[in-house]
C-alpha atoms as a PDB file:
ATOM      1  CA  MET A   1       0.000   0.000   0.000  1.00  0.00           C
ATOM      2  CA  ASN A   2       1.150   3.504  -0.823  1.00  0.00           C
ATOM      3  CA  THR A   3       2.731   5.004   2.282  1.00  0.00           C
ATOM      4  CA  ALA A   4       0.830   8.302   1.872  1.00  0.00           C
ATOM      5  CA  ILE A   5      -2.539   6.486   1.637  1.00  0.00           C
ATOM      6  CA  ARG A   6      -1.719   4.339   4.702  1.00  0.00           C
ATOM      7  CA  ASP A   7      -0.826   7.453   6.757  1.00  0.00           C
ATOM      8  CA  ARG A   8      -4.116   9.168   5.796  1.00  0.00           C
ATOM      9  CA  ARG A   9      -6.110   6.114   6.930  1.00  0.00           C
ATOM     10  CA  VAL A  10      -4.283   5.986  10.263  1.00  0.00           C
ATOM     11  CA  ARG A  11      -4.935   9.680  10.832  1.00  0.00           C
ATOM     12  CA  ARG A  12      -8.666   9.257  10.016  1.00  0.00           C
ATOM     13  CA  ALA A  13      -8.976   6.306  12.393  1.00  0.00           C
ATOM     14  CA  ALA A  14      -7.243   8.253  15.149  1.00  0.00           C
ATOM     15  CA  ALA A  15      -9.573  11.202  14.559  1.00  0.00           C
ATOM     16  CA  VAL A  16     -12.625   8.952  14.885  1.00  0.00           C
ATOM     17  CA  VAL A  17     -11.326   7.531  18.175  1.00  0.00           C
ATOM     18  CA  VAL A  18     -10.584  10.982  19.587  1.00  0.00           C
ATOM     19  CA  THR A  19     -13.931  12.413  18.458  1.00  0.00           C
ATOM     20  CA  THR A  20     -15.872   9.441  19.845  1.00  0.00           C
ATOM     21  CA  GLY A  21     -14.023   9.679  23.124  1.00  0.00           C
ATOM     22  CA  ALA A  22     -14.769  13.380  23.365  1.00  0.00           C
ATOM     23  CA  LEU A  23     -18.463  12.755  22.724  1.00  0.00           C
ATOM     24  CA  LEU A  24     -18.596  10.018  25.319  1.00  0.00           C
ATOM     25  CA  THR A  25     -16.800  12.167  27.856  1.00  0.00           C
ATOM     26  CA  SER A  26     -18.913  15.267  27.279  1.00  0.00           C
ATOM     27  CA  GLY A  27     -22.050  13.142  27.280  1.00  0.00           C
ATOM     28  CA  ALA A  28     -21.148  11.610  30.614  1.00  0.00           C
ATOM     29  CA  LEU A  29     -20.459  15.043  32.079  1.00  0.00           C
ATOM     30  CA  GLY A  30     -23.643  16.472  30.633  1.00  0.00           C
ATOM     31  CA  MET A  31     -25.758  13.697  32.140  1.00  0.00           C
ATOM     32  CA  ALA A  32     -24.175  13.894  35.602  1.00  0.00           C
ATOM     33  CA  PRO A  33     -26.847  15.120  38.054  1.00  0.00           C
ATOM     34  CA  ALA A  34     -26.160  18.248  40.142  1.00  0.00           C
ATOM     35  CA  GLN A  35     -25.250  17.437  43.718  1.00  0.00           C
ATOM     36  CA  ALA A  36     -28.551  17.664  45.612  1.00  0.00           C
ATOM     37  CA  ALA A  37     -28.566  19.529  48.934  1.00  0.00           C
ATOM     38  CA  THR A  38     -29.159  17.132  51.823  1.00  0.00           C
ATOM     39  CA  LYS A  39     -32.049  17.989  54.116  1.00  0.00           C
ATOM     40  CA  PRO A  40     -30.480  18.727  57.518  1.00  0.00           C
ATOM     41  CA  THR A  41     -31.236  17.015  60.799  1.00  0.00           C
ATOM     42  CA  ILE A  42     -32.090  19.443  63.612  1.00  0.00           C
ATOM     43  CA  ALA A  43     -32.352  19.130  67.389  1.00  0.00           C
ATOM     44  CA  ALA A  44     -35.624  21.101  67.570  1.00  0.00           C
ATOM     45  CA  LYS A  45     -38.948  19.270  67.765  1.00  0.00           C
ATOM     46  CA  GLY A  46     -40.324  21.404  64.968  1.00  0.00           C
ATOM     47  CA  GLY A  47     -38.908  23.473  62.147  1.00  0.00           C
ATOM     48  CA  TYR A  48     -40.024  25.292  59.028  1.00  0.00           C
ATOM     49  CA  ALA A  49     -38.603  27.650  56.429  1.00  0.00           C
ATOM     50  CA  MET A  50     -39.930  29.309  53.318  1.00  0.00           C
ATOM     51  CA  ASN A  51     -38.898  31.669  50.559  1.00  0.00           C
ATOM     52  CA  ASN A  52     -40.134  34.985  51.943  1.00  0.00           C
ATOM     53  CA  ALA A  53     -40.955  36.379  48.505  1.00  0.00           C
ATOM     54  CA  THR A  54     -42.913  33.440  47.132  1.00  0.00           C
ATOM     55  CA  GLY A  55     -44.098  31.604  50.243  1.00  0.00           C
ATOM     56  CA  LYS A  56     -42.674  28.367  48.855  1.00  0.00           C
ATOM     57  CA  SER A  57     -41.834  25.842  51.591  1.00  0.00           C
ATOM     58  CA  LEU A  58     -38.122  25.059  51.753  1.00  0.00           C
ATOM     59  CA  TYR A  59     -37.873  22.928  54.903  1.00  0.00           C
ATOM     60  CA  THR A  60     -40.374  21.114  57.117  1.00  0.00           C
ATOM     61  CA  LYS A  61     -40.188  19.108  60.314  1.00  0.00           C
ATOM     62  CA  ALA A  62     -43.398  18.727  62.332  1.00  0.00           C
ATOM     63  CA  SER A  63     -44.138  22.137  60.871  1.00  0.00           C
ATOM     64  CA  ASP A  64     -47.851  22.046  61.743  1.00  0.00           C
ATOM     65  CA  THR A  65     -47.440  20.640  65.250  1.00  0.00           C
ATOM     66  CA  ARG A  66     -48.674  22.970  67.994  1.00  0.00           C
ATOM     67  CA  LEU A  67     -45.901  23.900  70.410  1.00  0.00           C
ATOM     68  CA  SER A  68     -45.289  26.514  73.077  1.00  0.00           C
ATOM     69  CA  THR A  69     -43.708  29.626  71.594  1.00  0.00           C
ATOM     70  CA  GLY A  70     -42.000  31.356  74.534  1.00  0.00           C
ATOM     71  CA  SER A  71     -40.926  34.913  73.766  1.00  0.00           C
ATOM     72  CA  THR A  72     -41.282  34.471  70.012  1.00  0.00           C
ATOM     73  CA  THR A  73     -44.855  35.452  70.964  1.00  0.00           C
ATOM     74  CA  LYS A  74     -43.526  39.027  71.120  1.00  0.00           C
ATOM     75  CA  ILE A  75     -43.341  39.122  67.314  1.00  0.00           C
ATOM     76  CA  MET A  76     -47.131  39.271  67.345  1.00  0.00           C
ATOM     77  CA  THR A  77     -47.072  41.787  70.210  1.00  0.00           C
ATOM     78  CA  ALA A  78     -44.957  44.112  68.065  1.00  0.00           C
ATOM     79  CA  LYS A  79     -47.051  43.414  64.959  1.00  0.00           C
ATOM     80  CA  VAL A  80     -50.274  44.404  66.730  1.00  0.00           C
ATOM     81  CA  VAL A  81     -48.725  47.623  68.078  1.00  0.00           C
ATOM     82  CA  LEU A  82     -47.353  48.603  64.675  1.00  0.00           C
ATOM     83  CA  ALA A  83     -50.739  47.962  63.054  1.00  0.00           C
ATOM     84  CA  GLN A  84     -52.535  50.499  65.279  1.00  0.00           C
ATOM     85  CA  PRO A  85     -54.199  53.306  63.308  1.00  0.00           C
ATOM     86  CA  ASN A  86     -52.482  56.705  63.534  1.00  0.00           C
ATOM     87  CA  LEU A  87     -49.644  55.188  65.553  1.00  0.00           C
ATOM     88  CA  ASN A  88     -47.288  57.743  67.099  1.00  0.00           C
ATOM     89  CA  LEU A  89     -43.982  55.993  67.795  1.00  0.00           C
ATOM     90  CA  ASP A  90     -42.850  58.995  69.831  1.00  0.00           C
ATOM     91  CA  ALA A  91     -45.837  58.900  72.204  1.00  0.00           C
ATOM     92  CA  LYS A  92     -44.671  58.462  75.799  1.00  0.00           C
ATOM     93  CA  VAL A  93     -45.739  55.729  78.192  1.00  0.00           C
ATOM     94  CA  THR A  94     -45.194  56.042  81.955  1.00  0.00           C
ATOM     95  CA  ILE A  95     -43.740  52.876  83.463  1.00  0.00           C
ATOM     96  CA  GLN A  96     -45.992  51.500  86.217  1.00  0.00           C
ATOM     97  CA  MET A  97     -45.111  49.515  89.329  1.00  0.00           C
ATOM     98  CA  ASP A  98     -47.307  46.680  88.073  1.00  0.00           C
ATOM     99  CA  TYR A  99     -44.903  46.114  85.175  1.00  0.00           C
ATOM    100  CA  SER A 100     -41.973  45.793  87.556  1.00  0.00           C
ATOM    101  CA  ASN A 101     -43.875  43.536  89.955  1.00  0.00           C
ATOM    102  CA  TYR A 102     -44.838  41.293  87.046  1.00  0.00           C
ATOM    103  CA  ILE A 103     -41.174  40.806  86.127  1.00  0.00           C
ATOM    104  CA  VAL A 104     -40.241  39.913  89.697  1.00  0.00           C
ATOM    105  CA  LYS A 105     -43.204  37.563  90.161  1.00  0.00           C
ATOM    106  CA  ASN A 106     -42.466  35.623  86.977  1.00  0.00           C
ATOM    107  CA  ASN A 107     -38.662  35.861  87.058  1.00  0.00           C
ATOM    108  CA  ALA A 108     -39.097  37.161  83.523  1.00  0.00           C
ATOM    109  CA  SER A 109     -36.679  38.630  81.007  1.00  0.00           C
ATOM    110  CA  SER A 110     -36.553  42.384  81.411  1.00  0.00           C
ATOM    111  CA  ALA A 111     -35.653  45.640  79.670  1.00  0.00           C
ATOM    112  CA  ARG A 112     -34.935  46.986  83.194  1.00  0.00           C
ATOM    113  CA  LEU A 113     -37.449  49.809  82.803  1.00  0.00           C
ATOM    114  CA  ILE A 114     -37.588  52.231  85.740  1.00  0.00           C
ATOM    115  CA  VAL A 115     -40.939  52.905  87.436  1.00  0.00           C
ATOM    116  CA  GLY A 116     -42.029  56.483  86.789  1.00  0.00           C
ATOM    117  CA  ASP A 117     -39.888  56.958  83.679  1.00  0.00           C
ATOM    118  CA  LYS A 118     -41.548  58.097  80.469  1.00  0.00           C
ATOM    119  CA  VAL A 119     -40.559  55.829  77.591  1.00  0.00           C
ATOM    120  CA  THR A 120     -41.594  56.224  73.949  1.00  0.00           C
ATOM    121  CA  VAL A 121     -43.496  53.538  72.067  1.00  0.00           C
ATOM    122  CA  ARG A 122     -40.502  53.183  69.746  1.00  0.00           C
ATOM    123  CA  GLN A 123     -38.176  52.600  72.713  1.00  0.00           C
ATOM    124  CA  LEU A 124     -40.607  50.065  74.182  1.00  0.00           C
ATOM    125  CA  LEU A 125     -40.538  48.140  70.891  1.00  0.00           C
ATOM    126  CA  TYR A 126     -36.741  47.976  71.047  1.00  0.00           C
ATOM    127  CA  GLY A 127     -36.984  46.897  74.697  1.00  0.00           C
ATOM    128  CA  LEU A 128     -39.499  44.250  73.659  1.00  0.00           C
ATOM    129  CA  MET A 129     -37.532  42.748  70.764  1.00  0.00           C
ATOM    130  CA  LEU A 130     -33.848  43.076  71.722  1.00  0.00           C
ATOM    131  CA  PRO A 131     -33.550  42.070  75.420  1.00  0.00           C
ATOM    132  CA  SER A 132     -37.022  40.456  75.191  1.00  0.00           C
ATOM    133  CA  GLY A 133     -38.410  42.675  77.926  1.00  0.00           C
ATOM    134  CA  CYS A 134     -41.636  41.360  79.417  1.00  0.00           C
ATOM    135  CA  ASP A 135     -41.971  44.721  81.193  1.00  0.00           C
ATOM    136  CA  ALA A 136     -41.949  46.416  77.779  1.00  0.00           C
ATOM    137  CA  ALA A 137     -44.545  43.914  76.536  1.00  0.00           C
ATOM    138  CA  TYR A 138     -46.788  44.663  79.519  1.00  0.00           C
ATOM    139  CA  ALA A 139     -46.441  48.418  78.956  1.00  0.00           C
ATOM    140  CA  LEU A 140     -47.400  48.062  75.272  1.00  0.00           C
ATOM    141  CA  ALA A 141     -50.381  45.805  76.030  1.00  0.00           C
ATOM    142  CA  ASP A 142     -51.579  48.286  78.671  1.00  0.00           C
ATOM    143  CA  LYS A 143     -51.130  51.206  76.263  1.00  0.00           C
ATOM    144  CA  PHE A 144     -52.809  49.695  73.213  1.00  0.00           C
ATOM    145  CA  GLY A 145     -55.544  47.582  74.773  1.00  0.00           C
ATOM    146  CA  SER A 146     -59.026  48.986  75.413  1.00  0.00           C
ATOM    147  CA  GLY A 147     -60.834  49.157  78.752  1.00  0.00           C
ATOM    148  CA  THR A 148     -61.124  51.021  82.028  1.00  0.00           C
ATOM    149  CA  THR A 149     -58.886  48.690  84.039  1.00  0.00           C
ATOM    150  CA  ARG A 150     -55.391  47.392  83.325  1.00  0.00           C
ATOM    151  CA  ALA A 151     -56.696  43.817  83.329  1.00  0.00           C
ATOM    152  CA  ASP A 152     -59.335  44.761  80.736  1.00  0.00           C
ATOM    153  CA  ARG A 153     -56.772  46.481  78.540  1.00  0.00           C
ATOM    154  CA  VAL A 154     -54.423  43.495  78.642  1.00  0.00           C
ATOM    155  CA  LYS A 155     -57.276  41.127  77.805  1.00  0.00           C
ATOM    156  CA  SER A 156     -58.296  43.396  74.917  1.00  0.00           C
ATOM    157  CA  PHE A 157     -54.733  43.498  73.569  1.00  0.00           C
ATOM    158  CA  ILE A 158     -54.434  39.700  73.620  1.00  0.00           C
ATOM    159  CA  SER A 159     -57.722  39.536  71.716  1.00  0.00           C
ATOM    160  CA  LYS A 160     -56.152  41.769  69.069  1.00  0.00           C
ATOM    161  CA  MET A 161     -53.242  39.335  68.846  1.00  0.00           C
ATOM    162  CA  ASN A 162     -55.627  36.441  68.239  1.00  0.00           C
ATOM    163  CA  LYS A 163     -57.630  38.435  65.691  1.00  0.00           C
ATOM    164  CA  SER A 164     -54.416  39.215  63.817  1.00  0.00           C
ATOM    165  CA  ALA A 165     -53.572  35.494  63.689  1.00  0.00           C
ATOM    166  CA  LYS A 166     -57.071  34.730  62.438  1.00  0.00           C
ATOM    167  CA  ASP A 167     -56.812  37.461  59.789  1.00  0.00           C
ATOM    168  CA  LEU A 168     -53.658  35.738  58.510  1.00  0.00           C
ATOM    169  CA  GLY A 169     -55.665  32.516  58.157  1.00  0.00           C
ATOM    170  CA  LEU A 170     -53.740  30.712  60.886  1.00  0.00           C
ATOM    171  CA  THR A 171     -55.654  27.858  62.482  1.00  0.00           C
ATOM    172  CA  ASN A 172     -52.961  26.419  64.758  1.00  0.00           C
ATOM    173  CA  THR A 173     -52.090  29.567  66.714  1.00  0.00           C
ATOM    174  CA  HIS A 174     -53.549  30.939  69.940  1.00  0.00           C
ATOM    175  CA  PHE A 175     -52.264  33.517  72.403  1.00  0.00           C
ATOM    176  CA  ASP A 176     -53.210  33.850  76.048  1.00  0.00           C
ATOM    177  CA  SER A 177     -50.385  36.242  76.942  1.00  0.00           C
ATOM    178  CA  PHE A 178     -48.708  39.350  75.584  1.00  0.00           C
ATOM    179  CA  ASP A 179     -45.179  38.003  76.087  1.00  0.00           C
ATOM    180  CA  GLY A 180     -45.197  34.201  75.935  1.00  0.00           C
ATOM    181  CA  ILE A 181     -45.550  33.586  79.672  1.00  0.00           C
ATOM    182  CA  GLY A 182     -48.714  31.663  78.936  1.00  0.00           C
ATOM    183  CA  ASN A 183     -51.492  30.188  81.004  1.00  0.00           C
ATOM    184  CA  GLY A 184     -51.649  26.829  79.245  1.00  0.00           C
ATOM    185  CA  SER A 185     -53.082  28.027  75.945  1.00  0.00           C
ATOM    186  CA  ASN A 186     -50.282  29.957  74.247  1.00  0.00           C
ATOM    187  CA  TYR A 187     -49.131  28.021  71.200  1.00  0.00           C
ATOM    188  CA  SER A 188     -48.320  28.135  67.522  1.00  0.00           C
ATOM    189  CA  THR A 189     -46.520  26.013  64.934  1.00  0.00           C
ATOM    190  CA  PRO A 190     -43.277  26.531  63.040  1.00  0.00           C
ATOM    191  CA  ARG A 191     -45.253  27.267  59.855  1.00  0.00           C
ATOM    192  CA  ASP A 192     -47.688  29.686  61.525  1.00  0.00           C
ATOM    193  CA  LEU A 193     -44.972  31.577  63.398  1.00  0.00           C
ATOM    194  CA  THR A 194     -43.006  31.945  60.183  1.00  0.00           C
ATOM    195  CA  LYS A 195     -46.063  33.451  58.498  1.00  0.00           C
ATOM    196  CA  ILE A 196     -46.547  35.860  61.416  1.00  0.00           C
ATOM    197  CA  ALA A 197     -42.914  36.938  61.163  1.00  0.00           C
ATOM    198  CA  SER A 198     -43.112  37.288  57.382  1.00  0.00           C
ATOM    199  CA  SER A 199     -46.122  39.557  57.771  1.00  0.00           C
ATOM    200  CA  ALA A 200     -44.419  41.602  60.506  1.00  0.00           C
ATOM    201  CA  MET A 201     -41.320  42.025  58.323  1.00  0.00           C
ATOM    202  CA  LYS A 202     -43.398  44.004  55.821  1.00  0.00           C
ATOM    203  CA  ASN A 203     -43.264  46.872  58.317  1.00  0.00           C
ATOM    204  CA  SER A 204     -40.115  48.981  57.967  1.00  0.00           C
ATOM    205  CA  THR A 205     -39.966  49.870  61.678  1.00  0.00           C
ATOM    206  CA  PHE A 206     -40.155  46.206  62.621  1.00  0.00           C
ATOM    207  CA  ARG A 207     -37.405  45.334  60.124  1.00  0.00           C
ATOM    208  CA  SER A 208     -35.149  48.056  61.503  1.00  0.00           C
ATOM    209  CA  ILE A 209     -35.638  46.914  65.092  1.00  0.00           C
ATOM    210  CA  VAL A 210     -35.070  43.181  64.645  1.00  0.00           C
ATOM    211  CA  LYS A 211     -31.801  43.591  62.730  1.00  0.00           C
ATOM    212  CA  THR A 212     -30.359  45.928  65.413  1.00  0.00           C
ATOM    213  CA  LYS A 213     -27.634  44.390  67.583  1.00  0.00           C
ATOM    214  CA  SER A 214     -27.649  47.038  70.320  1.00  0.00           C
ATOM    215  CA  TYR A 215     -29.808  50.041  71.248  1.00  0.00           C
ATOM    216  CA  THR A 216     -29.471  52.686  73.928  1.00  0.00           C
ATOM    217  CA  ALA A 217     -32.676  54.396  75.048  1.00  0.00           C
ATOM    218  CA  LYS A 218     -32.817  57.827  76.648  1.00  0.00           C
ATOM    219  CA  THR A 219     -35.886  58.072  78.844  1.00  0.00           C
ATOM    220  CA  ILE A 220     -37.427  60.935  80.822  1.00  0.00           C
ATOM    221  CA  THR A 221     -37.402  60.575  84.623  1.00  0.00           C
ATOM    222  CA  LYS A 222     -40.070  61.683  87.109  1.00  0.00           C
ATOM    223  CA  THR A 223     -38.181  64.938  87.608  1.00  0.00           C
ATOM    224  CA  GLY A 224     -37.956  65.655  83.883  1.00  0.00           C
ATOM    225  CA  SER A 225     -34.291  64.854  83.495  1.00  0.00           C
ATOM    226  CA  THR A 226     -32.890  62.490  80.873  1.00  0.00           C
ATOM    227  CA  ARG A 227     -31.850  58.975  81.844  1.00  0.00           C
ATOM    228  CA  THR A 228     -29.497  57.083  79.542  1.00  0.00           C
ATOM    229  CA  MET A 229     -30.410  53.424  79.909  1.00  0.00           C
ATOM    230  CA  SER A 230     -27.872  50.620  79.791  1.00  0.00           C
ATOM    231  CA  PRO A 231     -27.672  49.352  76.201  1.00  0.00           C
ATOM    232  CA  TRP A 232     -30.145  46.682  75.173  1.00  0.00           C
ATOM    233  CA  THR A 233     -28.391  43.820  73.364  1.00  0.00           C
ATOM    234  CA  ASN A 234     -30.253  41.661  70.882  1.00  0.00           C
ATOM    235  CA  THR A 235     -30.575  38.072  72.126  1.00  0.00           C
ATOM    236  CA  ASN A 236     -30.455  36.803  68.521  1.00  0.00           C
ATOM    237  CA  GLY A 237     -26.916  35.465  68.164  1.00  0.00           C
ATOM    238  CA  LEU A 238     -27.352  34.916  64.424  1.00  0.00           C
ATOM    239  CA  LEU A 239     -26.910  38.650  63.836  1.00  0.00           C
ATOM    240  CA  GLY A 240     -23.214  38.336  64.510  1.00  0.00           C
ATOM    241  CA  SER A 241     -22.588  34.802  63.315  1.00  0.00           C
ATOM    242  CA  TYR A 242     -24.542  34.128  60.116  1.00  0.00           C
ATOM    243  CA  SER A 243     -23.959  36.290  57.058  1.00  0.00           C
ATOM    244  CA  GLY A 244     -27.056  38.033  55.755  1.00  0.00           C
ATOM    245  CA  THR A 245     -29.121  37.689  58.951  1.00  0.00           C
ATOM    246  CA  ILE A 246     -31.883  40.320  59.219  1.00  0.00           C
ATOM    247  CA  GLY A 247     -33.823  39.046  62.285  1.00  0.00           C
ATOM    248  CA  VAL A 248     -36.007  37.948  63.932  1.00  0.00           C
ATOM    249  CA  LYS A 249     -36.614  36.817  67.575  1.00  0.00           C
ATOM    250  CA  THR A 250     -35.532  34.320  70.203  1.00  0.00           C
ATOM    251  CA  GLY A 251     -37.717  32.573  72.756  1.00  0.00           C
ATOM    252  CA  SER A 252     -37.286  30.197  75.655  1.00  0.00           C
ATOM    253  CA  GLY A 253     -39.048  28.799  78.678  1.00  0.00           C
ATOM    254  CA  PRO A 254     -39.618  25.641  80.718  1.00  0.00           C
ATOM    255  CA  GLU A 255     -42.269  24.400  78.298  1.00  0.00           C
ATOM    256  CA  ALA A 256     -41.102  26.129  75.110  1.00  0.00           C
ATOM    257  CA  LYS A 257     -37.467  25.014  75.540  1.00  0.00           C
ATOM    258  CA  TYR A 258     -35.336  27.019  73.049  1.00  0.00           C
ATOM    259  CA  CYS A 259     -36.994  28.710  70.078  1.00  0.00           C
ATOM    260  CA  LEU A 260     -35.828  30.969  67.272  1.00  0.00           C
ATOM    261  CA  VAL A 261     -37.581  32.736  64.426  1.00  0.00           C
ATOM    262  CA  PHE A 262     -34.924  33.624  61.872  1.00  0.00           C
ATOM    263  CA  ALA A 263     -34.444  35.362  58.543  1.00  0.00           C
ATOM    264  CA  ALA A 264     -31.500  36.045  56.248  1.00  0.00           C
ATOM    265  CA  THR A 265     -31.015  37.487  52.779  1.00  0.00           C
ATOM    266  CA  ARG A 266     -28.347  36.331  50.327  1.00  0.00           C
ATOM    267  CA  ASN A 267     -28.107  37.197  46.629  1.00  0.00           C
ATOM    268  CA  GLY A 268     -31.574  38.716  46.683  1.00  0.00           C
ATOM    269  CA  LYS A 269     -33.247  35.664  48.239  1.00  0.00           C
ATOM    270  CA  THR A 270     -34.704  35.838  51.747  1.00  0.00           C
ATOM    271  CA  VAL A 271     -35.173  32.637  53.731  1.00  0.00           C
ATOM    272  CA  ILE A 272     -37.406  33.005  56.775  1.00  0.00           C
ATOM    273  CA  GLY A 273     -38.284  30.277  59.264  1.00  0.00           C
ATOM    274  CA  THR A 274     -38.743  28.979  62.774  1.00  0.00           C
ATOM    275  CA  VAL A 275     -37.413  26.303  65.106  1.00  0.00           C
ATOM    276  CA  LEU A 276     -39.408  25.412  68.211  1.00  0.00           C
ATOM    277  CA  ALA A 277     -38.404  23.326  71.237  1.00  0.00           C
ATOM    278  CA  SER A 278     -34.711  22.987  70.497  1.00  0.00           C
ATOM    279  CA  THR A 279     -32.357  21.756  73.209  1.00  0.00           C
ATOM    280  CA  SER A 280     -30.162  24.792  73.961  1.00  0.00           C
ATOM    281  CA  ILE A 281     -29.256  28.298  72.786  1.00  0.00           C
ATOM    282  CA  ALA A 282     -26.374  26.853  70.756  1.00  0.00           C
ATOM    283  CA  ALA A 283     -28.606  24.139  69.288  1.00  0.00           C
ATOM    284  CA  ARG A 284     -31.367  26.528  68.179  1.00  0.00           C
ATOM    285  CA  GLU A 285     -28.785  28.702  66.410  1.00  0.00           C
ATOM    286  CA  SER A 286     -27.175  25.664  64.799  1.00  0.00           C
ATOM    287  CA  ASP A 287     -30.613  24.423  63.717  1.00  0.00           C
ATOM    288  CA  ALA A 288     -31.433  27.799  62.153  1.00  0.00           C
ATOM    289  CA  LYS A 289     -28.103  28.002  60.319  1.00  0.00           C
ATOM    290  CA  LYS A 290     -28.522  24.494  58.903  1.00  0.00           C
ATOM    291  CA  ILE A 291     -32.045  25.250  57.709  1.00  0.00           C
ATOM    292  CA  MET A 292     -31.117  28.571  56.129  1.00  0.00           C
ATOM    293  CA  THR A 293     -28.060  27.169  54.367  1.00  0.00           C
ATOM    294  CA  TYR A 294     -30.247  24.365  53.023  1.00  0.00           C
ATOM    295  CA  GLY A 295     -32.951  26.873  52.076  1.00  0.00           C
ATOM    296  CA  PHE A 296     -30.504  28.937  50.049  1.00  0.00           C
ATOM    297  CA  ALA A 297     -29.256  25.812  48.259  1.00  0.00           C
ATOM    298  CA  VAL A 298     -32.602  24.376  47.128  1.00  0.00           C
END
């Protein structure tokens, strides 16, 4: 055979082999499935997360199981206050002895409000959401409830909380307190609480408060002087440890265990969710981080 012809045939055969190999290789790569995100295991009894923009569920674990909510209840407290018609955030509220006695009686978390001081509604909302002040919650319920007695006003305010839940279409939520120190009938679910938080986050004042790490209030004393309060530090540890965190609220208690309603935004996507009845502060934060990371990946 002519040497030139033989060389051309060898080159053609080699080209076929190379081309076929390339097709096989690219085909194999093209058909390889993307690595699916693995649904995380969490310590909490219940968990839920959704895409805040679309409402699409991203994570569920006993998400419709009724559980005690602890101080995550205060999300609804703030929501009801901020929904009041003609709300004046600079209106002043005088701190009553009853608020202080309530804290002592229940060994409750406190904003350390001073009896007789005049505190603005805005400051009370920071005291409610950052240090989780039950005294601030009491003051807000007393201010924005209706009735001639303090007991009537508190009862009225809690009714507003329940009406707000009903208006959101929530069937597994009920409040019997303004702060989460319930009387046996204060509960929600991870899904319902997430929806409450998502609704609350539509309010710009609420959004500003829950992403704040520290806030110093200046109140007016009985004598008219200015008191600079000790800074209130946000109990939500995610604000300093998970990139993109924008809120929302911690909760705890003997029945509620350790709870956290959380939200973070990354690359234009906001994941918002809840864990209820986790085993410790560290565990609830770990649970939330796992869920959010998963939520961003799916």
